[in-house]
């Protein structure tokens, strides 16, 4: 056996490969064709969320094979495994969406259990759809192993009548069709061309937002998030990620060395300046929780408020991920943020170099079309802002990217719906009025259960031309593709007795994204009276199974809707067992 450069005496895989007592374990490894040399090298988990549910995930299996080549080239032994994905585009607008957020925890848990059970020394994680990205990063930080994240890549835009189209256009077309402004044939034509390739949704929706986060936080190689899924040039990033994780293992640079509070701040900056998904306000606190870092929705929103919005991406802007890649991607964005002194340069990244060193390598400049210079942003504050007030003491979040200043203040009477289906039916039947604030409650993490996204409802409103004429608030979530004055993450949620549970039809709700306020014209005495009369959480049909278990365990939205105590309570670190 040739000389191995890695000493396994302190690595987890020693528990399954080293010493006479592990002969039975080694026999299993020989059964899979591994050589003696490969058995005694570090074992690297290569985790993918590959499945046939949607185009977001379909390219991940092929990319994983190239990651494995990189690991092998750097004298590691890759061991591929898969985990689930619930794809929001498929789950949207029906009961399936209740499984989406819960899947983030299932992904993190299953990656953790696979790594622990087989004693893998490091992790390369590939993900393509909304919850699989934070779920994979949460597992990396929870295990605190040397880790590299790689995004599967975005979908190419469709083309119709000389313009780019995305799945967002199809969701909004449902409203146009219902309003009589689009024929059956026109809708069928759009749906058949909107999604022409493998890859995740192309706008700055949740998948691309969290892909940008993976680079900004330092867990992914620079520019690795950019190339669309069909581009075989992605293979270069996949192979380099396999080599990079072996470099981290050699230097003992672990996930929590990379994911620090400063790294989380960098990540929140990139969400804000790109007009990213409000779901980042849920996922960044959850990632922080795995590292034992205090970083909640309020912290995220404070950063959003102090960050200029200068990247013109859908849904608030014009361009898609492919355009951002061609303009230089996240490295150019980081360079612009650095010019304004908004980046923590000293954080370590998965390259082994600091973020500042990586930024200094970048030679490309902002193109002024997709990426504006930071000195001349689209707006002075981030594309996503936080709200707080007597209707949301724990806070709420709204995407304002693409909204004019006069559209960011809204006051009107409440029209209350007890669930998304009731609201969607009312929108379809036009049973609402201009100037109203539609309230959808009982859709929080526990109350839903599952904290569904409301894209079907918000897209129908936009399709009817009413997206700017009404507002919508919910204790649930919104898709990254949502636009209009749509406030999500209202906390505490209705199921936990939050004020949103006490709102009645006709109460005047005021939303002010400029001042960061969300209020209802109910004084404390009336609110207390209504709470005394409240009948408690709405009973759901989910009284057993995974969603019941999730509803029992899930914590506040403000803290990331997590289901376990996190790093602050842990009694050991996996890597050190």
Protein backbone atom coordinates (compact mmCIF):
# COMPACT_ATOMS: atom_id res chain seq x y z
CA UNK A 1 0.00 0.00 0.00
CA UNK A 2 1.42 3.38 -0.93
CA UNK A 3 2.13 6.05 1.62
CA UNK A 4 -1.09 7.89 2.51
CA UNK A 5 -0.76 11.57 3.30
CA UNK A 6 -3.74 11.57 5.66
CA UNK A 7 -3.38 10.33 9.23
CA UNK A 8 -6.70 8.71 10.08
CA UNK A 9 -5.98 8.28 13.78
CA UNK A 10 -8.28 11.19 14.65
CA UNK A 11 -10.79 10.92 11.82
CA UNK A 12 -14.28 9.39 12.27
CA UNK A 13 -13.70 6.75 9.57
CA UNK A 14 -11.09 5.05 11.75
CA UNK A 15 -14.06 3.51 13.57
CA UNK A 16 -14.94 1.46 10.47
CA UNK A 17 -11.64 0.92 8.64
CA UNK A 18 -8.76 0.63 11.11
CA UNK A 19 -7.57 -2.28 13.26
CA UNK A 20 -8.21 -6.04 13.35
CA UNK A 21 -11.60 -5.61 15.03
CA UNK A 22 -12.88 -3.77 11.93
CA UNK A 23 -12.25 -6.67 9.56
CA UNK A 24 -16.02 -7.30 9.13
CA UNK A 25 -16.55 -3.66 8.21
CA UNK A 26 -13.71 -3.74 5.70
CA UNK A 27 -15.19 -6.85 4.12
CA UNK A 28 -18.28 -4.82 3.21
CA UNK A 29 -16.08 -2.18 1.61
CA UNK A 30 -14.17 -4.80 -0.38
CA UNK A 31 -17.55 -6.12 -1.55
CA UNK A 32 -18.17 -2.79 -3.30
CA UNK A 33 -14.89 -2.96 -5.19
CA UNK A 34 -12.76 -0.73 -2.97
CA UNK A 35 -9.06 -1.43 -2.81
CA UNK A 36 -7.04 -1.67 0.37
CA UNK A 37 -5.61 1.75 -0.42
CA UNK A 38 -9.05 3.27 -0.86
CA UNK A 39 -10.33 1.76 2.38
CA UNK A 40 -7.55 3.37 4.38
CA UNK A 41 -7.99 6.80 2.81
CA UNK A 42 -10.45 9.31 4.31
CA UNK A 43 -14.08 8.50 3.50
CA UNK A 44 -15.90 11.49 2.06
CA UNK A 45 -19.69 11.66 1.94
CA UNK A 46 -21.02 12.96 -1.39
CA UNK A 47 -24.64 13.79 -0.65
CA UNK A 48 -27.13 14.69 -3.35
CA UNK A 49 -30.81 15.52 -3.39
CA UNK A 50 -31.26 13.81 -6.75
CA UNK A 51 -34.76 12.72 -7.67
CA UNK A 52 -37.25 12.79 -10.51
CA UNK A 53 -39.66 15.19 -8.83
CA UNK A 54 -38.67 18.29 -10.78
CA UNK A 55 -35.97 19.79 -13.03
CA UNK A 56 -34.23 21.34 -10.00
CA UNK A 57 -32.85 17.97 -8.95
CA UNK A 58 -32.54 15.97 -12.14
CA UNK A 59 -28.94 16.96 -12.95
CA UNK A 60 -27.51 16.32 -9.49
CA UNK A 61 -26.68 12.65 -9.95
CA UNK A 62 -24.44 13.35 -12.96
CA UNK A 63 -22.72 16.20 -11.16
CA UNK A 64 -22.06 13.98 -8.13
CA UNK A 65 -20.05 11.59 -10.30
CA UNK A 66 -17.69 14.44 -11.17
CA UNK A 67 -17.38 15.49 -7.52
CA UNK A 68 -16.28 11.93 -6.78
CA UNK A 69 -13.57 12.20 -9.43
CA UNK A 70 -12.24 15.28 -7.64
CA UNK A 71 -12.21 13.53 -4.27
CA UNK A 72 -10.37 10.55 -5.78
CA UNK A 73 -7.83 12.80 -7.48
CA UNK A 74 -7.00 14.29 -4.08
CA UNK A 75 -6.55 10.86 -2.46
CA UNK A 76 -9.92 10.55 -0.79
CA UNK A 77 -12.53 7.82 -1.11
CA UNK A 78 -15.96 9.22 -2.01
CA UNK A 79 -19.13 7.51 -0.81
CA UNK A 80 -22.25 8.76 -2.56
CA UNK A 81 -25.67 8.86 -0.90
CA UNK A 82 -28.94 10.66 -1.49
CA UNK A 83 -31.57 12.40 0.56
CA UNK A 84 -35.06 13.65 -0.16
CA UNK A 85 -36.28 16.87 -1.72
CA UNK A 86 -39.74 18.33 -1.72
CA UNK A 87 -39.84 20.69 -4.69
CA UNK A 88 -41.90 23.79 -4.04
CA UNK A 89 -42.92 24.35 -7.64
CA UNK A 90 -44.66 20.97 -7.65
CA UNK A 91 -45.94 21.29 -4.07
CA UNK A 92 -47.24 24.84 -4.54
CA UNK A 93 -50.89 25.75 -4.07
CA UNK A 94 -52.17 22.54 -2.47
CA UNK A 95 -51.71 20.29 0.56
CA UNK A 96 -48.30 19.16 -0.68
CA UNK A 97 -46.79 22.52 0.31
CA UNK A 98 -47.14 21.54 3.97
CA UNK A 99 -44.29 19.08 3.40
CA UNK A 100 -41.86 21.69 2.07
CA UNK A 101 -40.40 23.38 5.12
CA UNK A 102 -40.55 20.16 7.14
CA UNK A 103 -38.39 18.60 4.43
CA UNK A 104 -35.56 20.99 5.29
CA UNK A 105 -35.30 19.34 8.71
CA UNK A 106 -35.63 15.86 7.21
CA UNK A 107 -32.79 16.63 4.79
CA UNK A 108 -30.50 17.90 7.55
CA UNK A 109 -31.41 14.99 9.81
CA UNK A 110 -30.93 12.31 7.15
CA UNK A 111 -27.55 13.69 6.06
CA UNK A 112 -26.49 13.81 9.71
CA UNK A 113 -27.62 10.23 10.34
CA UNK A 114 -25.92 8.90 7.21
CA UNK A 115 -22.66 10.63 8.05
CA UNK A 116 -22.78 9.46 11.67
CA UNK A 117 -23.82 5.91 10.87
CA UNK A 118 -21.00 5.35 8.40
CA UNK A 119 -18.36 7.57 10.04
CA UNK A 120 -17.56 9.73 7.04
CA UNK A 121 -14.79 12.27 7.51
CA UNK A 122 -15.94 15.13 5.27
CA UNK A 123 -18.93 16.15 3.19
CA UNK A 124 -19.60 17.53 -0.27
CA UNK A 125 -23.30 18.37 -0.54
CA UNK A 126 -25.15 18.99 -3.82
CA UNK A 127 -28.60 20.55 -3.77
CA UNK A 128 -30.95 22.12 -6.28
CA UNK A 129 -34.30 23.08 -4.79
CA UNK A 130 -35.40 25.59 -2.18
CA UNK A 131 -35.21 23.66 1.11
CA UNK A 132 -32.46 21.29 0.06
CA UNK A 133 -29.90 24.10 -0.01
CA UNK A 134 -30.32 25.28 3.60
CA UNK A 135 -30.98 21.71 4.74
CA UNK A 136 -27.64 20.56 3.33
CA UNK A 137 -25.79 23.56 4.80
CA UNK A 138 -27.45 22.99 8.19
CA UNK A 139 -26.17 19.41 8.20
CA UNK A 140 -22.64 20.58 7.40
CA UNK A 141 -22.64 23.03 10.30
CA UNK A 142 -24.36 20.61 12.68
CA UNK A 143 -21.76 17.91 12.03
CA UNK A 144 -18.92 20.45 11.88
CA UNK A 145 -16.97 18.39 9.36
CA UNK A 146 -14.84 19.81 6.52
CA UNK A 147 -17.57 20.65 4.01
CA UNK A 148 -18.08 22.07 0.54
CA UNK A 149 -21.50 22.93 -0.85
CA UNK A 150 -22.29 22.94 -4.56
CA UNK A 151 -25.48 24.14 -6.20
CA UNK A 152 -26.93 22.07 -9.04
CA UNK A 153 -27.47 25.20 -11.13
CA UNK A 154 -30.42 27.17 -12.41
CA UNK A 155 -32.80 26.44 -15.25
CA UNK A 156 -32.44 28.24 -18.56
CA UNK A 157 -35.14 30.82 -19.29
CA UNK A 158 -37.87 29.90 -21.72
CA UNK A 159 -38.60 32.08 -24.75
CA UNK A 160 -42.01 33.19 -25.94
CA UNK A 161 -42.82 36.01 -28.33
CA UNK A 162 -39.25 37.28 -28.23
CA UNK A 163 -38.94 37.54 -24.44
CA UNK A 164 -37.57 35.41 -21.61
CA UNK A 165 -40.19 33.65 -19.50
CA UNK A 166 -40.00 31.68 -16.23
CA UNK A 167 -42.32 29.61 -14.08
CA UNK A 168 -43.28 32.87 -12.33
CA UNK A 169 -44.94 33.94 -15.59
CA UNK A 170 -46.93 30.71 -15.63
CA UNK A 171 -48.18 31.17 -12.06
CA UNK A 172 -49.23 34.74 -12.89
CA UNK A 173 -50.80 33.57 -16.16
CA UNK A 174 -53.25 31.50 -14.12
CA UNK A 175 -54.67 34.76 -12.78
CA UNK A 176 -54.74 36.30 -16.25
CA UNK A 177 -56.53 33.24 -17.61
CA UNK A 178 -59.05 33.32 -14.78
CA UNK A 179 -59.66 37.02 -15.43
CA UNK A 180 -60.39 36.28 -19.09
CA UNK A 181 -57.25 37.99 -20.38
CA UNK A 182 -55.62 34.81 -21.67
CA UNK A 183 -57.05 31.95 -23.70
CA UNK A 184 -56.64 28.24 -23.01
CA UNK A 185 -54.33 27.97 -26.01
CA UNK A 186 -52.14 30.88 -24.87
CA UNK A 187 -51.82 29.37 -21.39
CA UNK A 188 -50.93 25.97 -22.83
CA UNK A 189 -48.29 27.54 -25.08
CA UNK A 190 -46.70 29.38 -22.14
CA UNK A 191 -46.63 26.33 -19.85
CA UNK A 192 -45.00 24.23 -22.58
CA UNK A 193 -42.01 26.57 -23.10
CA UNK A 194 -41.44 28.27 -19.73
CA UNK A 195 -39.11 25.60 -18.31
CA UNK A 196 -36.84 24.29 -21.10
CA UNK A 197 -34.07 22.50 -19.18
CA UNK A 198 -32.81 20.96 -15.99
CA UNK A 199 -32.16 23.34 -13.12
CA UNK A 200 -33.84 25.32 -10.36
CA UNK A 201 -36.17 28.27 -10.98
CA UNK A 202 -34.25 30.97 -12.80
CA UNK A 203 -35.25 34.16 -10.98
CA UNK A 204 -33.87 35.30 -7.63
CA UNK A 205 -36.31 33.02 -5.91
CA UNK A 206 -35.37 30.88 -2.91
CA UNK A 207 -33.08 28.37 -4.66
CA UNK A 208 -30.92 30.99 -6.38
CA UNK A 209 -31.01 33.18 -3.27
CA UNK A 210 -29.64 30.39 -1.11
CA UNK A 211 -27.16 29.46 -3.85
CA UNK A 212 -25.80 33.01 -3.61
CA UNK A 213 -25.75 32.57 0.18
CA UNK A 214 -23.63 29.43 -0.16
CA UNK A 215 -20.89 31.44 -1.86
CA UNK A 216 -21.23 34.52 0.35
CA UNK A 217 -21.10 32.46 3.53
CA UNK A 218 -17.97 30.68 2.29
CA UNK A 219 -19.24 27.09 2.00
CA UNK A 220 -19.20 27.04 -1.82
CA UNK A 221 -16.37 27.77 -4.23
CA UNK A 222 -16.46 31.28 -5.75
CA UNK A 223 -18.73 31.50 -8.80
CA UNK A 224 -19.79 27.85 -8.45
CA UNK A 225 -23.44 28.83 -8.03
CA UNK A 226 -23.68 30.66 -11.32
CA UNK A 227 -23.56 28.38 -14.34
CA UNK A 228 -26.96 26.99 -15.37
CA UNK A 229 -27.56 23.30 -14.72
CA UNK A 230 -27.27 22.19 -18.37
CA UNK A 231 -23.82 23.75 -18.79
CA UNK A 232 -21.24 20.99 -18.65
CA UNK A 233 -18.77 23.66 -17.56
CA UNK A 234 -20.35 23.05 -14.13
CA UNK A 235 -18.27 19.87 -14.06
CA UNK A 236 -15.17 21.97 -13.43
CA UNK A 237 -16.74 23.35 -10.24
CA UNK A 238 -17.91 19.88 -9.22
CA UNK A 239 -14.44 18.37 -9.60
CA UNK A 240 -12.82 21.35 -7.88
CA UNK A 241 -15.27 20.97 -4.97
CA UNK A 242 -14.11 17.38 -4.49
CA UNK A 243 -10.49 18.52 -4.42
CA UNK A 244 -11.34 21.44 -2.12
CA UNK A 245 -12.95 19.28 0.56
CA UNK A 246 -9.79 17.17 0.76
CA UNK A 247 -7.76 20.36 1.18
CA UNK A 248 -10.03 21.39 4.04
CA UNK A 249 -9.68 17.96 5.61
CA UNK A 250 -5.91 18.16 5.44
CA UNK A 251 -5.94 21.61 7.06
CA UNK A 252 -8.71 20.64 9.54
CA UNK A 253 -10.86 23.58 8.45
CA UNK A 254 -14.39 22.72 9.50
CA UNK A 255 -17.82 24.09 8.70
CA UNK A 256 -18.04 26.21 11.85
CA UNK A 257 -14.64 27.73 11.12
CA UNK A 258 -16.30 29.05 7.96
CA UNK A 259 -19.85 29.79 9.18
CA UNK A 260 -19.30 32.54 11.74
CA UNK A 261 -21.51 35.49 12.63
CA UNK A 262 -19.51 37.62 10.20
CA UNK A 263 -20.08 35.08 7.43
CA UNK A 264 -23.82 35.14 8.13
CA UNK A 265 -23.77 38.94 7.87
CA UNK A 266 -22.02 38.68 4.48
CA UNK A 267 -24.69 36.22 3.36
CA UNK A 268 -27.53 38.50 4.46
CA UNK A 269 -25.90 41.38 2.55
CA UNK A 270 -26.01 39.38 -0.67
CA UNK A 271 -29.66 38.47 -0.13
CA UNK A 272 -30.53 42.13 0.37
CA UNK A 273 -28.58 43.57 -2.55
CA UNK A 274 -30.00 40.99 -4.97
CA UNK A 275 -33.64 41.42 -3.88
CA UNK A 276 -33.54 37.80 -2.76
CA UNK A 277 -36.22 35.59 -1.29
CA UNK A 278 -37.84 36.40 2.04
CA UNK A 279 -37.20 32.76 2.91
CA UNK A 280 -33.59 33.68 3.63
CA UNK A 281 -34.98 35.29 6.77
CA UNK A 282 -35.97 31.79 7.83
CA UNK A 283 -32.95 29.84 6.63
CA UNK A 284 -30.09 32.05 7.82
CA UNK A 285 -31.24 31.88 11.48
CA UNK A 286 -31.62 28.11 11.10
CA UNK A 287 -28.05 27.75 9.82
CA UNK A 288 -26.83 30.01 12.64
CA UNK A 289 -28.69 27.82 15.15
CA UNK A 290 -26.64 24.81 14.04
CA UNK A 291 -23.47 26.73 14.91
CA UNK A 292 -24.78 28.06 18.23
CA UNK A 293 -24.77 31.65 16.93
CA UNK A 294 -27.46 34.14 17.98
CA UNK A 295 -28.74 35.44 14.66
CA UNK A 296 -32.50 35.77 14.29
CA UNK A 297 -34.98 37.43 11.94
CA UNK A 298 -34.42 40.82 13.56
CA UNK A 299 -30.67 40.61 12.92
CA UNK A 300 -31.29 39.62 9.30
CA UNK A 301 -33.72 42.49 8.78
CA UNK A 302 -31.35 45.03 10.35
CA UNK A 303 -28.74 44.03 7.79
CA UNK A 304 -31.29 44.19 4.97
CA UNK A 305 -32.17 47.75 5.97
CA UNK A 306 -28.54 48.87 5.83
CA UNK A 307 -27.69 47.27 2.48
CA UNK A 308 -28.28 48.89 -0.93
CA UNK A 309 -30.25 46.96 -3.56
CA UNK A 310 -28.25 46.96 -6.79
CA UNK A 311 -28.75 43.65 -8.64
CA UNK A 312 -31.70 43.69 -11.06
CA UNK A 313 -33.17 40.20 -10.88
CA UNK A 314 -36.66 38.75 -11.16
CA UNK A 315 -39.21 38.83 -9.62
CA UNK A 316 -38.80 42.52 -8.80
CA UNK A 317 -36.40 43.17 -11.68
CA UNK A 318 -35.69 42.04 -15.21
CA UNK A 319 -33.01 39.37 -15.27
CA UNK A 320 -32.49 35.70 -14.35
CA UNK A 321 -29.63 33.63 -12.94
CA UNK A 322 -28.10 32.95 -16.33
CA UNK A 323 -27.77 36.71 -16.87
CA UNK A 324 -26.18 37.15 -13.45
CA UNK A 325 -23.66 34.42 -14.24
CA UNK A 326 -22.75 36.11 -17.52
CA UNK A 327 -22.29 39.41 -15.65
CA UNK A 328 -19.77 37.85 -13.27
CA UNK A 329 -21.97 36.32 -10.62
CA UNK A 330 -21.60 36.48 -6.85
CA UNK A 331 -17.86 37.39 -6.94
CA UNK A 332 -18.68 40.69 -8.69
CA UNK A 333 -21.52 41.33 -6.22
CA UNK A 334 -19.14 40.71 -3.30
CA UNK A 335 -16.61 43.06 -4.88
CA UNK A 336 -19.23 45.83 -5.09
CA UNK A 337 -20.30 45.27 -1.47
CA UNK A 338 -16.64 45.36 -0.45
CA UNK A 339 -16.20 48.75 -2.13
CA UNK A 340 -18.88 50.08 0.23
CA UNK A 341 -17.20 48.52 3.27
CA UNK A 342 -20.09 46.09 3.73
CA UNK A 343 -18.14 42.81 3.65
CA UNK A 344 -16.26 41.08 6.45
CA UNK A 345 -13.07 40.27 4.58
CA UNK A 346 -11.30 38.13 7.19
CA UNK A 347 -13.67 35.17 7.24
CA UNK A 348 -12.20 31.89 5.99
CA UNK A 349 -13.80 30.20 2.97
CA UNK A 350 -13.83 26.65 1.64
CA UNK A 351 -10.89 27.54 -0.62
CA UNK A 352 -8.76 27.90 2.50
CA UNK A 353 -8.31 31.57 1.67
CA UNK A 354 -10.10 34.54 3.24
CA UNK A 355 -13.08 36.22 1.64
CA UNK A 356 -10.96 39.34 1.17
CA UNK A 357 -8.32 37.38 -0.72
CA UNK A 358 -11.02 35.89 -2.95
CA UNK A 359 -12.52 39.33 -3.65
CA UNK A 360 -9.11 40.75 -4.52
CA UNK A 361 -8.75 38.11 -7.26
CA UNK A 362 -11.89 39.37 -9.03
CA UNK A 363 -11.12 41.55 -12.05
CA UNK A 364 -14.58 41.99 -13.58
CA UNK A 365 -16.61 45.12 -12.90
CA UNK A 366 -20.34 45.71 -12.46
CA UNK A 367 -21.94 45.78 -15.91
CA UNK A 368 -24.49 48.48 -14.99
CA UNK A 369 -27.31 46.36 -16.36
CA UNK A 370 -27.66 43.24 -14.24
CA UNK A 371 -25.26 44.37 -11.50
CA UNK A 372 -25.31 48.12 -10.87
CA UNK A 373 -22.32 49.85 -9.24
CA UNK A 374 -22.88 50.00 -5.49
CA UNK A 375 -22.53 53.81 -5.70
CA UNK A 376 -25.62 54.02 -7.93
CA UNK A 377 -27.97 51.33 -6.60
CA UNK A 378 -31.55 50.64 -7.60
CA UNK A 379 -32.49 51.71 -4.07
CA UNK A 380 -30.58 52.69 -0.96
CA UNK A 381 -32.05 49.92 1.19
CA UNK A 382 -32.23 46.18 0.64
CA UNK A 383 -34.79 44.44 -1.51
CA UNK A 384 -36.18 42.70 1.57
CA UNK A 385 -37.13 44.51 4.78
CA UNK A 386 -38.39 43.59 8.24
CA UNK A 387 -41.52 44.88 9.92
CA UNK A 388 -42.48 44.91 13.60
CA UNK A 389 -45.46 46.18 15.59
CA UNK A 390 -48.49 45.17 17.61
CA UNK A 391 -49.64 42.80 14.87
CA UNK A 392 -46.22 41.09 14.72
CA UNK A 393 -44.29 41.50 18.00
CA UNK A 394 -41.81 38.83 16.82
CA UNK A 395 -41.48 40.54 13.45
CA UNK A 396 -42.46 39.93 9.84
CA UNK A 397 -40.76 40.26 6.46
CA UNK A 398 -41.62 41.71 3.04
CA UNK A 399 -39.83 41.85 -0.31
CA UNK A 400 -39.89 45.43 -1.67
CA UNK A 401 -37.54 44.90 -4.62
CA UNK A 402 -39.12 46.54 -7.64
CA UNK A 403 -41.67 48.51 -5.57
CA UNK A 404 -41.73 52.30 -5.75
CA UNK A 405 -41.53 54.22 -2.46
CA UNK A 406 -45.19 55.25 -2.64
CA UNK A 407 -46.14 51.57 -2.90
CA UNK A 408 -44.36 50.68 0.32
CA UNK A 409 -47.02 52.13 2.65
CA UNK A 410 -50.47 50.54 2.74
CA UNK A 411 -53.43 50.89 5.09
CA UNK A 412 -56.81 49.25 4.76
CA UNK A 413 -59.49 47.07 6.31
CA UNK A 414 -58.71 43.43 7.04
CA UNK A 415 -60.39 40.62 5.17
CA UNK A 416 -59.60 37.50 7.19
CA UNK A 417 -59.17 33.96 5.84
CA UNK A 418 -58.55 30.94 8.03
CA UNK A 419 -56.36 29.17 5.46
CA UNK A 420 -54.82 29.64 2.00
CA UNK A 421 -57.53 27.68 0.18
CA UNK A 422 -60.22 30.07 1.40
CA UNK A 423 -58.17 33.04 0.24
CA UNK A 424 -57.41 31.53 -3.17
CA UNK A 425 -61.08 30.74 -3.74
CA UNK A 426 -62.05 34.30 -2.83
CA UNK A 427 -59.41 35.69 -5.20
CA UNK A 428 -60.62 33.48 -8.02
CA UNK A 429 -64.20 34.65 -7.45
CA UNK A 430 -63.10 38.29 -7.01
CA UNK A 431 -64.66 38.27 -3.53
CA UNK A 432 -62.36 40.98 -2.24
CA UNK A 433 -62.07 44.72 -2.74
CA UNK A 434 -59.36 47.10 -3.80
CA UNK A 435 -57.70 48.66 -0.77
CA UNK A 436 -58.16 45.66 1.51
CA UNK A 437 -55.49 43.81 3.47
CA UNK A 438 -56.02 40.09 2.97
CA UNK A 439 -55.08 38.17 6.12
CA UNK A 440 -54.26 34.46 5.77
CA UNK A 441 -53.69 32.85 9.15
CA UNK A 442 -53.19 29.37 10.60
CA UNK A 443 -50.44 28.76 8.02
CA UNK A 444 -47.41 29.03 10.34
CA UNK A 445 -44.88 26.25 10.96
CA UNK A 446 -46.97 24.67 13.73
CA UNK A 447 -50.43 25.83 12.74
CA UNK A 448 -50.36 24.82 9.08
CA UNK A 449 -48.56 22.66 9.81
CA UNK A 450 -45.61 23.37 7.56
CA UNK A 451 -45.71 27.12 6.86
CA UNK A 452 -46.89 26.95 3.27
CA UNK A 453 -45.96 29.45 0.59
CA UNK A 454 -48.76 31.54 -0.88
CA UNK A 455 -47.52 31.89 -4.46
CA UNK A 456 -50.72 30.56 -6.04
CA UNK A 457 -52.74 33.29 -4.31
CA UNK A 458 -50.28 36.14 -4.80
CA UNK A 459 -49.62 35.21 -8.43
CA UNK A 460 -53.39 35.10 -9.09
CA UNK A 461 -53.70 38.60 -7.63
CA UNK A 462 -50.88 39.84 -9.86
CA UNK A 463 -52.43 38.13 -12.86
CA UNK A 464 -55.71 39.93 -12.16
CA UNK A 465 -53.88 43.26 -12.09
CA UNK A 466 -54.55 43.67 -8.38
CA UNK A 467 -51.05 43.00 -7.03
CA UNK A 468 -50.54 46.68 -6.18
CA UNK A 469 -54.14 47.39 -5.17
CA UNK A 470 -54.37 45.08 -2.19
CA UNK A 471 -51.90 43.90 0.45
CA UNK A 472 -51.59 40.43 1.95
CA UNK A 473 -50.22 39.30 5.30
CA UNK A 474 -49.76 35.79 6.64
CA UNK A 475 -48.07 33.75 9.34
CA UNK A 476 -47.07 31.49 6.46
CA UNK A 477 -44.44 32.16 3.82
CA UNK A 478 -44.15 33.51 0.33
CA UNK A 479 -42.30 32.08 -2.61
CA UNK A 480 -39.20 33.94 -3.73
CA UNK A 481 -41.25 34.53 -6.88
CA UNK A 482 -43.88 36.55 -5.02
CA UNK A 483 -44.19 40.26 -5.75
CA UNK A 484 -46.52 42.98 -4.48
CA UNK A 485 -47.06 44.12 -0.88
CA UNK A 486 -47.01 40.64 0.63
CA UNK A 487 -45.93 40.32 4.27
CA UNK A 488 -44.95 36.89 5.57
CA UNK A 489 -43.48 35.27 8.69
CA UNK A 490 -45.89 37.25 10.92
CA UNK A 491 -45.00 36.11 14.41
CA UNK A 492 -46.01 34.80 16.81
CA UNK A 493 -48.12 32.67 14.51
CA UNK A 494 -51.84 32.18 15.05
CA UNK A 495 -51.41 28.67 16.46
CA UNK A 496 -49.19 30.12 19.20
CA UNK A 497 -51.76 32.79 20.08
CA UNK A 498 -50.14 35.63 18.16
CA UNK A 499 -52.10 38.84 17.47
CA UNK A 500 -52.78 37.67 13.89
CA UNK A 501 -55.18 35.14 15.45
CA UNK A 502 -57.22 37.98 16.99
CA UNK A 503 -57.71 40.11 13.87
CA UNK A 504 -61.30 40.48 12.65
CA UNK A 505 -62.78 41.61 9.34
CA UNK A 506 -62.74 45.39 9.10
CA UNK A 507 -59.87 46.04 11.52
CA UNK A 508 -57.60 48.65 9.98
CA UNK A 509 -54.13 47.27 9.29
CA UNK A 510 -51.24 49.60 8.46
CA UNK A 511 -48.09 48.40 6.75
CA UNK A 512 -45.08 50.68 6.35
CA UNK A 513 -42.01 49.13 4.74
CA UNK A 514 -40.15 52.44 4.89
CA UNK A 515 -40.46 52.76 8.68
CA UNK A 516 -40.54 49.01 9.24
CA UNK A 517 -43.94 48.93 10.96
CA UNK A 518 -46.92 46.56 10.95
CA UNK A 519 -49.87 47.47 13.14
CA UNK A 520 -53.59 46.96 13.64
CA UNK A 521 -55.91 49.54 15.21
CA UNK A 522 -56.65 47.42 18.26
CA UNK A 523 -55.58 48.74 21.67
CA UNK A 524 -53.99 46.48 24.26
CA UNK A 525 -57.19 46.10 26.26
CA UNK A 526 -59.22 45.01 23.23
CA UNK A 527 -56.45 42.66 22.14
CA UNK A 528 -56.38 41.05 25.59
CA UNK A 529 -60.19 40.74 25.57
CA UNK A 530 -60.10 39.00 22.20
CA UNK A 531 -57.34 36.66 23.35
CA UNK A 532 -59.38 35.66 26.41
CA UNK A 533 -62.24 34.79 24.06
CA UNK A 534 -59.97 32.96 21.59
CA UNK A 535 -60.83 29.31 21.18
CA UNK A 536 -57.24 28.14 20.78
CA UNK A 537 -55.38 26.79 17.75
CA UNK A 538 -57.39 25.57 14.80
CA UNK A 539 -57.50 21.78 14.71
CA UNK A 540 -55.86 20.29 11.64
CA UNK A 541 -56.22 16.91 9.95
CA UNK A 542 -52.53 16.19 10.63
CA UNK A 543 -52.83 14.30 13.91
CA UNK A 544 -50.14 11.67 13.23
CA UNK A 545 -47.12 11.12 11.03
CA UNK A 546 -44.25 13.38 10.04
CA UNK A 547 -46.22 16.63 9.89
CA UNK A 548 -47.73 16.03 13.34
CA UNK A 549 -44.26 15.39 14.72
CA UNK A 550 -42.96 18.53 13.02
CA UNK A 551 -45.81 20.65 14.45
CA UNK A 552 -45.02 19.43 17.97
CA UNK A 553 -41.32 20.22 17.72
CA UNK A 554 -41.06 23.35 15.59
CA UNK A 555 -40.05 26.61 17.22
CA UNK A 556 -40.78 30.26 16.38
CA UNK A 557 -40.38 31.59 12.85
CA UNK A 558 -38.20 34.38 14.22
CA UNK A 559 -35.57 31.80 15.23
CA UNK A 560 -35.69 29.89 11.95
CA UNK A 561 -38.50 27.39 12.65
CA UNK A 562 -36.03 24.82 13.94
CA UNK A 563 -36.86 21.55 15.68
CA UNK A 564 -33.97 20.83 18.06
CA UNK A 565 -31.91 22.75 20.65
CA UNK A 566 -28.95 23.37 18.36
CA UNK A 567 -25.23 23.71 18.99
CA UNK A 568 -25.63 25.59 22.26
CA UNK A 569 -27.05 22.46 23.86
CA UNK A 570 -24.83 19.83 22.26
CA UNK A 571 -22.69 17.60 24.45
CA UNK A 572 -20.20 16.65 21.76
CA UNK A 573 -19.04 17.42 18.22
CA UNK A 574 -19.36 14.50 15.80
CA UNK A 575 -15.95 15.09 14.25
CA UNK A 576 -14.26 14.67 17.63
CA UNK A 577 -15.87 11.39 18.71
